[in-house]
């Protein structure tokens, strides 16, 4: 079984930056795709970015050019660097390991507000 723990969320002003981290346990991390998703109250969970074990990335159009996903397989950690943050980026951000039905972290709150 896999455990995922997100960290790095918090309150930031519009235009600011934040870096999220997701630490994974177990031996699956190095071999499978990872992703960041987010969910705002009353809305569906949406894909933010994904990264394969080889480092290929995909971004949602809403974050393209502002967010960067990366991974360090030696540390079993995936990151999401968020720049030029907007109020509409406010959500709970979840880390996902893409194996079988998927494994999810507990989420970390990101709030962008003045």
PDB file of N, CA and C in Angstrom:
ATOM      1  N   UNK A   1       0.829  -1.188   0.000  1.00  0.00           N
ATOM      2  CA  UNK A   1       0.000   0.000   0.000  1.00  0.00           C
ATOM      3  C   UNK A   1       0.874   1.252   0.000  1.00  0.00           C
ATOM      4  N   UNK A   2       0.319   2.337  -0.557  1.00  0.00           N
ATOM      5  CA  UNK A   2       1.044   3.582  -0.718  1.00  0.00           C
ATOM      6  C   UNK A   2       0.430   4.672   0.149  1.00  0.00           C
ATOM      7  N   UNK A   3       1.294   5.490   0.731  1.00  0.00           N
ATOM      8  CA  UNK A   3       0.856   6.664   1.470  1.00  0.00           C
ATOM      9  C   UNK A   3       1.440   7.915   0.829  1.00  0.00           C
ATOM     10  N   UNK A   4       0.602   8.934   0.637  1.00  0.00           N
ATOM     11  CA  UNK A   4       1.017  10.197   0.047  1.00  0.00           C
ATOM     12  C   UNK A   4       0.718  11.326   1.025  1.00  0.00           C
ATOM     13  N   UNK A   5       1.690  12.201   1.248  1.00  0.00           N
ATOM     14  CA  UNK A   5       1.527  13.307   2.178  1.00  0.00           C
ATOM     15  C   UNK A   5       1.903  14.614   1.494  1.00  0.00           C
ATOM     16  N   UNK A   6       0.910  15.507   1.322  1.00  0.00           N
ATOM     17  CA  UNK A   6       1.150  16.812   0.715  1.00  0.00           C
ATOM     18  C   UNK A   6       1.531  17.836   1.777  1.00  0.00           C
ATOM     19  N   UNK A   7       2.291  18.836   1.361  1.00  0.00           N
ATOM     20  CA  UNK A   7       2.650  19.932   2.244  1.00  0.00           C
ATOM     21  C   UNK A   7       2.956  21.168   1.402  1.00  0.00           C
ATOM     22  N   UNK A   8       3.021  22.324   2.049  1.00  0.00           N
ATOM     23  CA  UNK A   8       3.395  23.550   1.370  1.00  0.00           C
ATOM     24  C   UNK A   8       2.262  24.505   1.083  1.00  0.00           C
ATOM     25  N   UNK A   9       1.030  24.115   1.376  1.00  0.00           N
ATOM     26  CA  UNK A   9      -0.101  24.994   1.147  1.00  0.00           C
ATOM     27  C   UNK A   9      -0.117  26.143   2.138  1.00  0.00           C
ATOM     28  N   UNK A  10      -0.960  27.131   1.845  1.00  0.00           N
ATOM     29  CA  UNK A  10      -1.070  28.278   2.724  1.00  0.00           C
ATOM     30  C   UNK A  10      -1.789  29.428   2.068  1.00  0.00           C
ATOM     31  N   UNK A  11      -1.686  30.596   2.688  1.00  0.00           N
ATOM     32  CA  UNK A  11      -2.310  31.818   2.190  1.00  0.00           C
ATOM     33  C   UNK A  11      -1.276  32.662   1.460  1.00  0.00           C
ATOM     34  N   UNK A  12      -1.625  33.111   0.263  1.00  0.00           N
ATOM     35  CA  UNK A  12      -0.719  33.934  -0.529  1.00  0.00           C
ATOM     36  C   UNK A  12      -1.519  35.005  -1.266  1.00  0.00           C
ATOM     37  N   UNK A  13      -0.906  36.160  -1.496  1.00  0.00           N
ATOM     38  CA  UNK A  13      -1.562  37.236  -2.228  1.00  0.00           C
ATOM     39  C   UNK A  13      -1.541  36.976  -3.729  1.00  0.00           C
ATOM     40  N   UNK A  14      -2.500  37.533  -4.466  1.00  0.00           N
ATOM     41  CA  UNK A  14      -2.479  37.397  -5.923  1.00  0.00           C
ATOM     42  C   UNK A  14      -1.141  37.847  -6.497  1.00  0.00           C
ATOM     43  N   UNK A  15      -0.627  37.061  -7.443  1.00  0.00           N
ATOM     44  CA  UNK A  15       0.668  37.347  -8.027  1.00  0.00           C
ATOM     45  C   UNK A  15       1.818  36.687  -7.307  1.00  0.00           C
ATOM     46  N   UNK A  16       1.545  36.099  -6.153  1.00  0.00           N
ATOM     47  CA  UNK A  16       2.570  35.451  -5.366  1.00  0.00           C
ATOM     48  C   UNK A  16       2.870  34.044  -5.834  1.00  0.00           C
ATOM     49  N   UNK A  17       3.770  33.377  -5.107  1.00  0.00           N
ATOM     50  CA  UNK A  17       4.208  32.029  -5.456  1.00  0.00           C
ATOM     51  C   UNK A  17       4.110  31.094  -4.260  1.00  0.00           C
ATOM     52  N   UNK A  18       4.000  29.808  -4.564  1.00  0.00           N
ATOM     53  CA  UNK A  18       3.916  28.776  -3.554  1.00  0.00           C
ATOM     54  C   UNK A  18       4.465  27.491  -4.155  1.00  0.00           C
ATOM     55  N   UNK A  19       5.117  26.675  -3.335  1.00  0.00           N
ATOM     56  CA  UNK A  19       5.629  25.394  -3.799  1.00  0.00           C
ATOM     57  C   UNK A  19       5.053  24.267  -2.961  1.00  0.00           C
ATOM     58  N   UNK A  20       4.341  23.356  -3.610  1.00  0.00           N
ATOM     59  CA  UNK A  20       3.757  22.209  -2.944  1.00  0.00           C
ATOM     60  C   UNK A  20       4.663  20.995  -3.096  1.00  0.00           C
ATOM     61  N   UNK A  21       4.668  20.144  -2.072  1.00  0.00           N
ATOM     62  CA  UNK A  21       5.433  18.909  -2.108  1.00  0.00           C
ATOM     63  C   UNK A  21       4.524  17.737  -1.784  1.00  0.00           C
ATOM     64  N   UNK A  22       4.832  16.588  -2.359  1.00  0.00           N
ATOM     65  CA  UNK A  22       4.100  15.359  -2.076  1.00  0.00           C
ATOM     66  C   UNK A  22       5.109  14.245  -1.892  1.00  0.00           C
ATOM     67  N   UNK A  23       5.195  13.739  -0.675  1.00  0.00           N
ATOM     68  CA  UNK A  23       6.119  12.657  -0.352  1.00  0.00           C
ATOM     69  C   UNK A  23       5.370  11.333  -0.351  1.00  0.00           C
ATOM     70  N   UNK A  24       5.918  10.347  -1.051  1.00  0.00           N
ATOM     71  CA  UNK A  24       5.277   9.045  -1.185  1.00  0.00           C
ATOM     72  C   UNK A  24       6.089   7.959  -0.511  1.00  0.00           C
ATOM     73  N   UNK A  25       5.391   7.018   0.102  1.00  0.00           N
ATOM     74  CA  UNK A  25       6.034   5.855   0.683  1.00  0.00           C
ATOM     75  C   UNK A  25       5.945   4.690  -0.290  1.00  0.00           C
ATOM     76  N   UNK A  26       6.698   3.638  -0.038  1.00  0.00           N
ATOM     77  CA  UNK A  26       6.638   2.453  -0.862  1.00  0.00           C
ATOM     78  C   UNK A  26       7.548   2.503  -2.071  1.00  0.00           C
ATOM     79  N   UNK A  27       7.509   1.443  -2.859  1.00  0.00           N
ATOM     80  CA  UNK A  27       8.402   1.290  -4.003  1.00  0.00           C
ATOM     81  C   UNK A  27       7.760   1.612  -5.344  1.00  0.00           C
ATOM     82  N   UNK A  28       6.484   1.986  -5.363  1.00  0.00           N
ATOM     83  CA  UNK A  28       5.772   2.248  -6.615  1.00  0.00           C
ATOM     84  C   UNK A  28       6.144   3.573  -7.263  1.00  0.00           C
ATOM     85  N   UNK A  29       6.528   4.561  -6.464  1.00  0.00           N
ATOM     86  CA  UNK A  29       6.694   5.924  -6.937  1.00  0.00           C
ATOM     87  C   UNK A  29       7.543   6.046  -8.193  1.00  0.00           C
ATOM     88  N   UNK A  30       8.683   5.404  -8.204  1.00  0.00           N
ATOM     89  CA  UNK A  30       9.642   5.558  -9.296  1.00  0.00           C
ATOM     90  C   UNK A  30       9.144   5.021 -10.632  1.00  0.00           C
ATOM     91  N   UNK A  31       8.086   4.221 -10.615  1.00  0.00           N
ATOM     92  CA  UNK A  31       7.651   3.523 -11.818  1.00  0.00           C
ATOM     93  C   UNK A  31       6.339   4.012 -12.412  1.00  0.00           C
ATOM     94  N   UNK A  32       5.642   4.902 -11.747  1.00  0.00           N
ATOM     95  CA  UNK A  32       4.307   5.291 -12.200  1.00  0.00           C
ATOM     96  C   UNK A  32       4.154   6.803 -12.350  1.00  0.00           C
ATOM     97  N   UNK A  33       3.166   7.223 -13.170  1.00  0.00           N
ATOM     98  CA  UNK A  33       2.885   8.660 -13.294  1.00  0.00           C
ATOM     99  C   UNK A  33       2.346   9.241 -11.991  1.00  0.00           C
ATOM    100  N   UNK A  34       2.591  10.530 -11.795  1.00  0.00           N
ATOM    101  CA  UNK A  34       2.077  11.251 -10.649  1.00  0.00           C
ATOM    102  C   UNK A  34       1.328  12.478 -11.140  1.00  0.00           C
ATOM    103  N   UNK A  35       0.401  12.955 -10.336  1.00  0.00           N
ATOM    104  CA  UNK A  35      -0.355  14.122 -10.744  1.00  0.00           C
ATOM    105  C   UNK A  35      -0.766  14.998  -9.583  1.00  0.00           C
ATOM    106  N   UNK A  36      -1.045  16.255  -9.906  1.00  0.00           N
ATOM    107  CA  UNK A  36      -1.642  17.196  -8.970  1.00  0.00           C
ATOM    108  C   UNK A  36      -3.041  17.541  -9.455  1.00  0.00           C
ATOM    109  N   UNK A  37      -4.003  17.478  -8.548  1.00  0.00           N
ATOM    110  CA  UNK A  37      -5.389  17.838  -8.813  1.00  0.00           C
ATOM    111  C   UNK A  37      -5.816  18.879  -7.791  1.00  0.00           C
ATOM    112  N   UNK A  38      -6.895  19.588  -8.091  1.00  0.00           N
ATOM    113  CA  UNK A  38      -7.407  20.551  -7.128  1.00  0.00           C
ATOM    114  C   UNK A  38      -8.923  20.548  -7.138  1.00  0.00           C
ATOM    115  N   UNK A  39      -9.499  20.929  -6.003  1.00  0.00           N
ATOM    116  CA  UNK A  39     -10.942  20.973  -5.864  1.00  0.00           C
ATOM    117  C   UNK A  39     -11.356  22.159  -5.008  1.00  0.00           C
ATOM    118  N   UNK A  40     -12.158  23.033  -5.583  1.00  0.00           N
ATOM    119  CA  UNK A  40     -12.720  24.160  -4.866  1.00  0.00           C
ATOM    120  C   UNK A  40     -14.099  23.770  -4.340  1.00  0.00           C
ATOM    121  N   UNK A  41     -14.574  24.404  -3.266  1.00  0.00           N
ATOM    122  CA  UNK A  41     -15.898  24.080  -2.722  1.00  0.00           C
ATOM    123  C   UNK A  41     -16.994  24.192  -3.775  1.00  0.00           C
ATOM    124  N   UNK A  42     -17.824  23.155  -3.870  1.00  0.00           N
ATOM    125  CA  UNK A  42     -18.922  23.156  -4.820  1.00  0.00           C
ATOM    126  C   UNK A  42     -18.539  22.835  -6.246  1.00  0.00           C
ATOM    127  N   UNK A  43     -17.278  22.545  -6.494  1.00  0.00           N
ATOM    128  CA  UNK A  43     -16.815  22.237  -7.837  1.00  0.00           C
ATOM    129  C   UNK A  43     -16.199  20.849  -7.903  1.00  0.00           C
ATOM    130  N   UNK A  44     -16.115  20.312  -9.123  1.00  0.00           N
ATOM    131  CA  UNK A  44     -15.496  19.012  -9.331  1.00  0.00           C
ATOM    132  C   UNK A  44     -13.985  19.101  -9.207  1.00  0.00           C
ATOM    133  N   UNK A  45     -13.392  17.995  -8.808  1.00  0.00           N
ATOM    134  CA  UNK A  45     -11.947  17.927  -8.775  1.00  0.00           C
ATOM    135  C   UNK A  45     -11.413  17.962 -10.208  1.00  0.00           C
ATOM    136  N   UNK A  46     -10.391  18.761 -10.440  1.00  0.00           N
ATOM    137  CA  UNK A  46      -9.850  18.912 -11.782  1.00  0.00           C
ATOM    138  C   UNK A  46      -8.348  18.659 -11.817  1.00  0.00           C
ATOM    139  N   UNK A  47      -7.907  18.193 -12.966  1.00  0.00           N
ATOM    140  CA  UNK A  47      -6.485  17.952 -13.187  1.00  0.00           C
ATOM    141  C   UNK A  47      -5.742  19.270 -13.292  1.00  0.00           C
ATOM    142  N   UNK A  48      -4.613  19.358 -12.615  1.00  0.00           N
ATOM    143  CA  UNK A  48      -3.739  20.521 -12.696  1.00  0.00           C
ATOM    144  C   UNK A  48      -2.532  20.208 -13.566  1.00  0.00           C
ATOM    145  N   UNK A  49      -1.842  19.109 -13.249  1.00  0.00           N
ATOM    146  CA  UNK A  49      -0.653  18.721 -13.992  1.00  0.00           C
ATOM    147  C   UNK A  49      -0.324  17.271 -13.720  1.00  0.00           C
ATOM    148  N   UNK A  50       0.321  16.611 -14.686  1.00  0.00           N
ATOM    149  CA  UNK A  50       0.782  15.244 -14.510  1.00  0.00           C
ATOM    150  C   UNK A  50       2.222  15.132 -14.969  1.00  0.00           C
ATOM    151  N   UNK A  51       2.909  14.120 -14.449  1.00  0.00           N
ATOM    152  CA  UNK A  51       4.282  13.856 -14.852  1.00  0.00           C
ATOM    153  C   UNK A  51       4.509  12.353 -14.850  1.00  0.00           C
ATOM    154  N   UNK A  52       5.102  11.836 -15.921  1.00  0.00           N
ATOM    155  CA  UNK A  52       5.394  10.413 -16.016  1.00  0.00           C
ATOM    156  C   UNK A  52       6.672  10.093 -15.264  1.00  0.00           C
ATOM    157  N   UNK A  53       6.959   8.779 -15.148  1.00  0.00           N
ATOM    158  CA  UNK A  53       8.198   8.374 -14.492  1.00  0.00           C
ATOM    159  C   UNK A  53       9.420   8.853 -15.271  1.00  0.00           C
ATOM    160  N   UNK A  54       9.230   9.103 -16.567  1.00  0.00           N
ATOM    161  CA  UNK A  54      10.308   9.584 -17.411  1.00  0.00           C
ATOM    162  C   UNK A  54      10.431  11.092 -17.459  1.00  0.00           C
ATOM    163  N   UNK A  55       9.482  11.807 -16.841  1.00  0.00           N
ATOM    164  CA  UNK A  55       9.566  13.249 -16.775  1.00  0.00           C
ATOM    165  C   UNK A  55       8.718  14.021 -17.771  1.00  0.00           C
ATOM    166  N   UNK A  56       7.922  13.337 -18.589  1.00  0.00           N
ATOM    167  CA  UNK A  56       7.023  14.032 -19.508  1.00  0.00           C
ATOM    168  C   UNK A  56       5.886  14.675 -18.728  1.00  0.00           C
ATOM    169  N   UNK A  57       5.494  15.889 -19.111  1.00  0.00           N
ATOM    170  CA  UNK A  57       4.493  16.640 -18.354  1.00  0.00           C
ATOM    171  C   UNK A  57       3.308  17.071 -19.201  1.00  0.00           C
ATOM    172  N   UNK A  58       2.171  17.230 -18.534  1.00  0.00           N
ATOM    173  CA  UNK A  58       0.952  17.763 -19.130  1.00  0.00           C
ATOM    174  C   UNK A  58       0.352  18.749 -18.141  1.00  0.00           C
ATOM    175  N   UNK A  59      -0.134  19.892 -18.653  1.00  0.00           N
ATOM    176  CA  UNK A  59      -0.713  20.917 -17.797  1.00  0.00           C
ATOM    177  C   UNK A  59      -2.109  21.293 -18.259  1.00  0.00           C
ATOM    178  N   UNK A  60      -2.959  21.632 -17.308  1.00  0.00           N
ATOM    179  CA  UNK A  60      -4.241  22.216 -17.641  1.00  0.00           C
ATOM    180  C   UNK A  60      -4.001  23.584 -18.262  1.00  0.00           C
ATOM    181  N   UNK A  61      -4.856  23.966 -19.209  1.00  0.00           N
ATOM    182  CA  UNK A  61      -4.686  25.256 -19.871  1.00  0.00           C
ATOM    183  C   UNK A  61      -4.718  26.428 -18.887  1.00  0.00           C
ATOM    184  N   UNK A  62      -5.469  26.280 -17.818  1.00  0.00           N
ATOM    185  CA  UNK A  62      -5.624  27.353 -16.853  1.00  0.00           C
ATOM    186  C   UNK A  62      -4.351  27.656 -16.065  1.00  0.00           C
ATOM    187  N   UNK A  63      -3.412  26.706 -16.038  1.00  0.00           N
ATOM    188  CA  UNK A  63      -2.185  26.897 -15.261  1.00  0.00           C
ATOM    189  C   UNK A  63      -0.933  26.894 -16.122  1.00  0.00           C
ATOM    190  N   UNK A  64      -1.080  26.609 -17.395  1.00  0.00           N
ATOM    191  CA  UNK A  64       0.056  26.522 -18.300  1.00  0.00           C
ATOM    192  C   UNK A  64       0.828  27.840 -18.326  1.00  0.00           C
ATOM    193  N   UNK A  65       2.131  27.746 -18.171  1.00  0.00           N
ATOM    194  CA  UNK A  65       2.972  28.926 -18.146  1.00  0.00           C
ATOM    195  C   UNK A  65       3.166  29.512 -16.769  1.00  0.00           C
ATOM    196  N   UNK A  66       2.356  29.082 -15.798  1.00  0.00           N
ATOM    197  CA  UNK A  66       2.452  29.582 -14.435  1.00  0.00           C
ATOM    198  C   UNK A  66       2.913  28.514 -13.449  1.00  0.00           C
ATOM    199  N   UNK A  67       2.493  27.269 -13.671  1.00  0.00           N
ATOM    200  CA  UNK A  67       2.818  26.163 -12.768  1.00  0.00           C
ATOM    201  C   UNK A  67       3.842  25.234 -13.413  1.00  0.00           C
ATOM    202  N   UNK A  68       4.659  24.601 -12.583  1.00  0.00           N
ATOM    203  CA  UNK A  68       5.624  23.619 -13.047  1.00  0.00           C
ATOM    204  C   UNK A  68       5.607  22.402 -12.138  1.00  0.00           C
ATOM    205  N   UNK A  69       5.390  21.222 -12.724  1.00  0.00           N
ATOM    206  CA  UNK A  69       5.436  19.979 -11.967  1.00  0.00           C
ATOM    207  C   UNK A  69       6.793  19.313 -12.184  1.00  0.00           C
ATOM    208  N   UNK A  70       7.340  18.725 -11.143  1.00  0.00           N
ATOM    209  CA  UNK A  70       8.614  18.035 -11.238  1.00  0.00           C
ATOM    210  C   UNK A  70       8.640  16.889 -10.235  1.00  0.00           C
ATOM    211  N   UNK A  71       9.609  15.994 -10.375  1.00  0.00           N
ATOM    212  CA  UNK A  71       9.709  14.877  -9.443  1.00  0.00           C
ATOM    213  C   UNK A  71      11.161  14.543  -9.167  1.00  0.00           C
ATOM    214  N   UNK A  72      11.401  14.034  -7.973  1.00  0.00           N
ATOM    215  CA  UNK A  72      12.707  13.565  -7.564  1.00  0.00           C
ATOM    216  C   UNK A  72      12.514  12.128  -7.110  1.00  0.00           C
ATOM    217  N   UNK A  73      12.801  11.181  -7.990  1.00  0.00           N
ATOM    218  CA  UNK A  73      12.562   9.772  -7.690  1.00  0.00           C
ATOM    219  C   UNK A  73      13.422   9.259  -6.538  1.00  0.00           C
ATOM    220  N   UNK A  74      14.602   9.825  -6.368  1.00  0.00           N
ATOM    221  CA  UNK A  74      15.470   9.419  -5.273  1.00  0.00           C
ATOM    222  C   UNK A  74      14.862   9.763  -3.921  1.00  0.00           C
ATOM    223  N   UNK A  75      14.041  10.810  -3.887  1.00  0.00           N
ATOM    224  CA  UNK A  75      13.392  11.246  -2.654  1.00  0.00           C
ATOM    225  C   UNK A  75      11.925  10.844  -2.587  1.00  0.00           C
ATOM    226  N   UNK A  76      11.439  10.134  -3.603  1.00  0.00           N
ATOM    227  CA  UNK A  76      10.023   9.753  -3.671  1.00  0.00           C
ATOM    228  C   UNK A  76       9.115  10.964  -3.474  1.00  0.00           C
ATOM    229  N   UNK A  77       9.435  12.050  -4.163  1.00  0.00           N
ATOM    230  CA  UNK A  77       8.714  13.304  -3.975  1.00  0.00           C
ATOM    231  C   UNK A  77       8.371  13.957  -5.311  1.00  0.00           C
ATOM    232  N   UNK A  78       7.149  14.473  -5.406  1.00  0.00           N
ATOM    233  CA  UNK A  78       6.732  15.253  -6.558  1.00  0.00           C
ATOM    234  C   UNK A  78       6.417  16.668  -6.081  1.00  0.00           C
ATOM    235  N   UNK A  79       6.716  17.667  -6.917  1.00  0.00           N
ATOM    236  CA  UNK A  79       6.551  19.061  -6.544  1.00  0.00           C
ATOM    237  C   UNK A  79       5.624  19.782  -7.517  1.00  0.00           C
ATOM    238  N   UNK A  80       5.024  20.846  -7.041  1.00  0.00           N
ATOM    239  CA  UNK A  80       4.259  21.742  -7.895  1.00  0.00           C
ATOM    240  C   UNK A  80       4.651  23.168  -7.540  1.00  0.00           C
ATOM    241  N   UNK A  81       5.419  23.798  -8.420  1.00  0.00           N
ATOM    242  CA  UNK A  81       5.791  25.195  -8.247  1.00  0.00           C
ATOM    243  C   UNK A  81       4.703  26.055  -8.871  1.00  0.00           C
ATOM    244  N   UNK A  82       4.096  26.927  -8.088  1.00  0.00           N
ATOM    245  CA  UNK A  82       2.994  27.754  -8.541  1.00  0.00           C
ATOM    246  C   UNK A  82       3.407  29.219  -8.487  1.00  0.00           C
ATOM    247  N   UNK A  83       3.437  29.858  -9.644  1.00  0.00           N
ATOM    248  CA  UNK A  83       3.783  31.270  -9.754  1.00  0.00           C
ATOM    249  C   UNK A  83       2.600  32.062 -10.294  1.00  0.00           C
ATOM    250  N   UNK A  84       2.660  33.376 -10.133  1.00  0.00           N
ATOM    251  CA  UNK A  84       1.609  34.268 -10.626  1.00  0.00           C
ATOM    252  C   UNK A  84       0.226  33.781 -10.210  1.00  0.00           C
ATOM    253  N   UNK A  85       0.083  33.470  -8.946  1.00  0.00           N
ATOM    254  CA  UNK A  85      -1.163  32.893  -8.449  1.00  0.00           C
ATOM    255  C   UNK A  85      -2.329  33.867  -8.547  1.00  0.00           C
ATOM    256  N   UNK A  86      -3.493  33.308  -8.843  1.00  0.00           N
ATOM    257  CA  UNK A  86      -4.727  34.063  -9.001  1.00  0.00           C
ATOM    258  C   UNK A  86      -5.761  33.583  -7.985  1.00  0.00           C
ATOM    259  N   UNK A  87      -6.741  34.422  -7.645  1.00  0.00           N
ATOM    260  CA  UNK A  87      -7.787  33.988  -6.713  1.00  0.00           C
ATOM    261  C   UNK A  87      -8.484  32.701  -7.153  1.00  0.00           C
ATOM    262  N   UNK A  88      -8.641  32.496  -8.455  1.00  0.00           N
ATOM    263  CA  UNK A  88      -9.287  31.290  -8.951  1.00  0.00           C
ATOM    264  C   UNK A  88      -8.451  30.027  -8.766  1.00  0.00           C
ATOM    265  N   UNK A  89      -7.205  30.175  -8.327  1.00  0.00           N
ATOM    266  CA  UNK A  89      -6.376  29.023  -7.994  1.00  0.00           C
ATOM    267  C   UNK A  89      -6.683  28.482  -6.602  1.00  0.00           C
ATOM    268  N   UNK A  90      -7.493  29.202  -5.846  1.00  0.00           N
ATOM    269  CA  UNK A  90      -7.853  28.783  -4.498  1.00  0.00           C
ATOM    270  C   UNK A  90      -8.579  27.442  -4.526  1.00  0.00           C
ATOM    271  N   UNK A  91      -8.053  26.459  -3.790  1.00  0.00           N
ATOM    272  CA  UNK A  91      -8.620  25.115  -3.771  1.00  0.00           C
ATOM    273  C   UNK A  91      -7.807  24.247  -2.822  1.00  0.00           C
ATOM    274  N   UNK A  92      -8.315  23.047  -2.573  1.00  0.00           N
ATOM    275  CA  UNK A  92      -7.521  22.030  -1.913  1.00  0.00           C
ATOM    276  C   UNK A  92      -6.781  21.274  -3.002  1.00  0.00           C
ATOM    277  N   UNK A  93      -5.484  21.176  -2.869  1.00  0.00           N
ATOM    278  CA  UNK A  93      -4.655  20.512  -3.869  1.00  0.00           C
ATOM    279  C   UNK A  93      -4.296  19.111  -3.404  1.00  0.00           C
ATOM    280  N   UNK A  94      -4.513  18.133  -4.286  1.00  0.00           N
ATOM    281  CA  UNK A  94      -4.292  16.733  -3.972  1.00  0.00           C
ATOM    282  C   UNK A  94      -3.219  16.123  -4.865  1.00  0.00           C
ATOM    283  N   UNK A  95      -2.400  15.294  -4.279  1.00  0.00           N
ATOM    284  CA  UNK A  95      -1.407  14.522  -5.005  1.00  0.00           C
ATOM    285  C   UNK A  95      -1.997  13.148  -5.330  1.00  0.00           C
ATOM    286  N   UNK A  96      -1.727  12.639  -6.527  1.00  0.00           N
ATOM    287  CA  UNK A  96      -2.235  11.331  -6.939  1.00  0.00           C
ATOM    288  C   UNK A  96      -1.140  10.473  -7.553  1.00  0.00           C
ATOM    289  N   UNK A  97      -1.094   9.229  -7.114  1.00  0.00           N
ATOM    290  CA  UNK A  97      -0.217   8.229  -7.706  1.00  0.00           C
ATOM    291  C   UNK A  97      -1.073   7.355  -8.615  1.00  0.00           C
ATOM    292  N   UNK A  98      -0.710   7.288  -9.892  1.00  0.00           N
ATOM    293  CA  UNK A  98      -1.540   6.612 -10.889  1.00  0.00           C
ATOM    294  C   UNK A  98      -1.181   5.136 -10.989  1.00  0.00           C
ATOM    295  N   UNK A  99      -1.719   4.357 -10.061  1.00  0.00           N
ATOM    296  CA  UNK A  99      -1.549   2.920 -10.039  1.00  0.00           C
ATOM    297  C   UNK A  99      -2.879   2.285  -9.671  1.00  0.00           C
ATOM    298  N   UNK A 100      -3.330   1.340 -10.497  1.00  0.00           N
ATOM    299  CA  UNK A 100      -4.638   0.713 -10.321  1.00  0.00           C
ATOM    300  C   UNK A 100      -5.716   1.802 -10.305  1.00  0.00           C
ATOM    301  N   UNK A 101      -6.531   1.851  -9.256  1.00  0.00           N
ATOM    302  CA  UNK A 101      -7.586   2.854  -9.176  1.00  0.00           C
ATOM    303  C   UNK A 101      -7.069   4.212  -8.719  1.00  0.00           C
ATOM    304  N   UNK A 102      -5.809   4.290  -8.362  1.00  0.00           N
ATOM    305  CA  UNK A 102      -5.202   5.538  -7.950  1.00  0.00           C
ATOM    306  C   UNK A 102      -5.103   5.685  -6.448  1.00  0.00           C
ATOM    307  N   UNK A 103      -4.017   6.308  -5.999  1.00  0.00           N
ATOM    308  CA  UNK A 103      -3.817   6.596  -4.585  1.00  0.00           C
ATOM    309  C   UNK A 103      -3.764   8.103  -4.398  1.00  0.00           C
ATOM    310  N   UNK A 104      -4.437   8.596  -3.373  1.00  0.00           N
ATOM    311  CA  UNK A 104      -4.561  10.033  -3.123  1.00  0.00           C
ATOM    312  C   UNK A 104      -3.986  10.435  -1.775  1.00  0.00           C
ATOM    313  N   UNK A 105      -3.424  11.632  -1.727  1.00  0.00           N
ATOM    314  CA  UNK A 105      -3.011  12.224  -0.474  1.00  0.00           C
ATOM    315  C   UNK A 105      -4.192  12.869   0.224  1.00  0.00           C
ATOM    316  N   UNK A 106      -3.958  13.450   1.392  1.00  0.00           N
ATOM    317  CA  UNK A 106      -5.034  14.053   2.181  1.00  0.00           C
ATOM    318  C   UNK A 106      -5.398  15.460   1.713  1.00  0.00           C
ATOM    319  N   UNK A 107      -4.551  16.062   0.917  1.00  0.00           N
ATOM    320  CA  UNK A 107      -4.797  17.392   0.394  1.00  0.00           C
ATOM    321  C   UNK A 107      -4.159  18.487   1.225  1.00  0.00           C
ATOM    322  N   UNK A 108      -3.848  19.598   0.569  1.00  0.00           N
ATOM    323  CA  UNK A 108      -3.319  20.771   1.249  1.00  0.00           C
ATOM    324  C   UNK A 108      -4.014  22.014   0.703  1.00  0.00           C
ATOM    325  N   UNK A 109      -4.445  22.891   1.596  1.00  0.00           N
ATOM    326  CA  UNK A 109      -5.231  24.066   1.216  1.00  0.00           C
ATOM    327  C   UNK A 109      -4.347  25.172   0.664  1.00  0.00           C
ATOM    328  N   UNK A 110      -4.744  25.701  -0.486  1.00  0.00           N
ATOM    329  CA  UNK A 110      -4.105  26.868  -1.071  1.00  0.00           C
ATOM    330  C   UNK A 110      -5.152  27.969  -1.196  1.00  0.00           C
ATOM    331  N   UNK A 111      -4.887  29.107  -0.580  1.00  0.00           N
ATOM    332  CA  UNK A 111      -5.810  30.233  -0.635  1.00  0.00           C
ATOM    333  C   UNK A 111      -5.090  31.447  -1.200  1.00  0.00           C
ATOM    334  N   UNK A 112      -5.623  31.990  -2.286  1.00  0.00           N
ATOM    335  CA  UNK A 112      -5.051  33.171  -2.927  1.00  0.00           C
ATOM    336  C   UNK A 112      -6.027  34.324  -2.730  1.00  0.00           C
ATOM    337  N   UNK A 113      -5.637  35.278  -1.915  1.00  0.00           N
ATOM    338  CA  UNK A 113      -6.539  36.368  -1.559  1.00  0.00           C
ATOM    339  C   UNK A 113      -5.764  37.578  -1.068  1.00  0.00           C
ATOM    340  N   UNK A 114      -6.350  38.759  -1.284  1.00  0.00           N
ATOM    341  CA  UNK A 114      -5.791  39.994  -0.763  1.00  0.00           C
ATOM    342  C   UNK A 114      -6.249  40.257   0.664  1.00  0.00           C
TER     343      UNK A 114
END
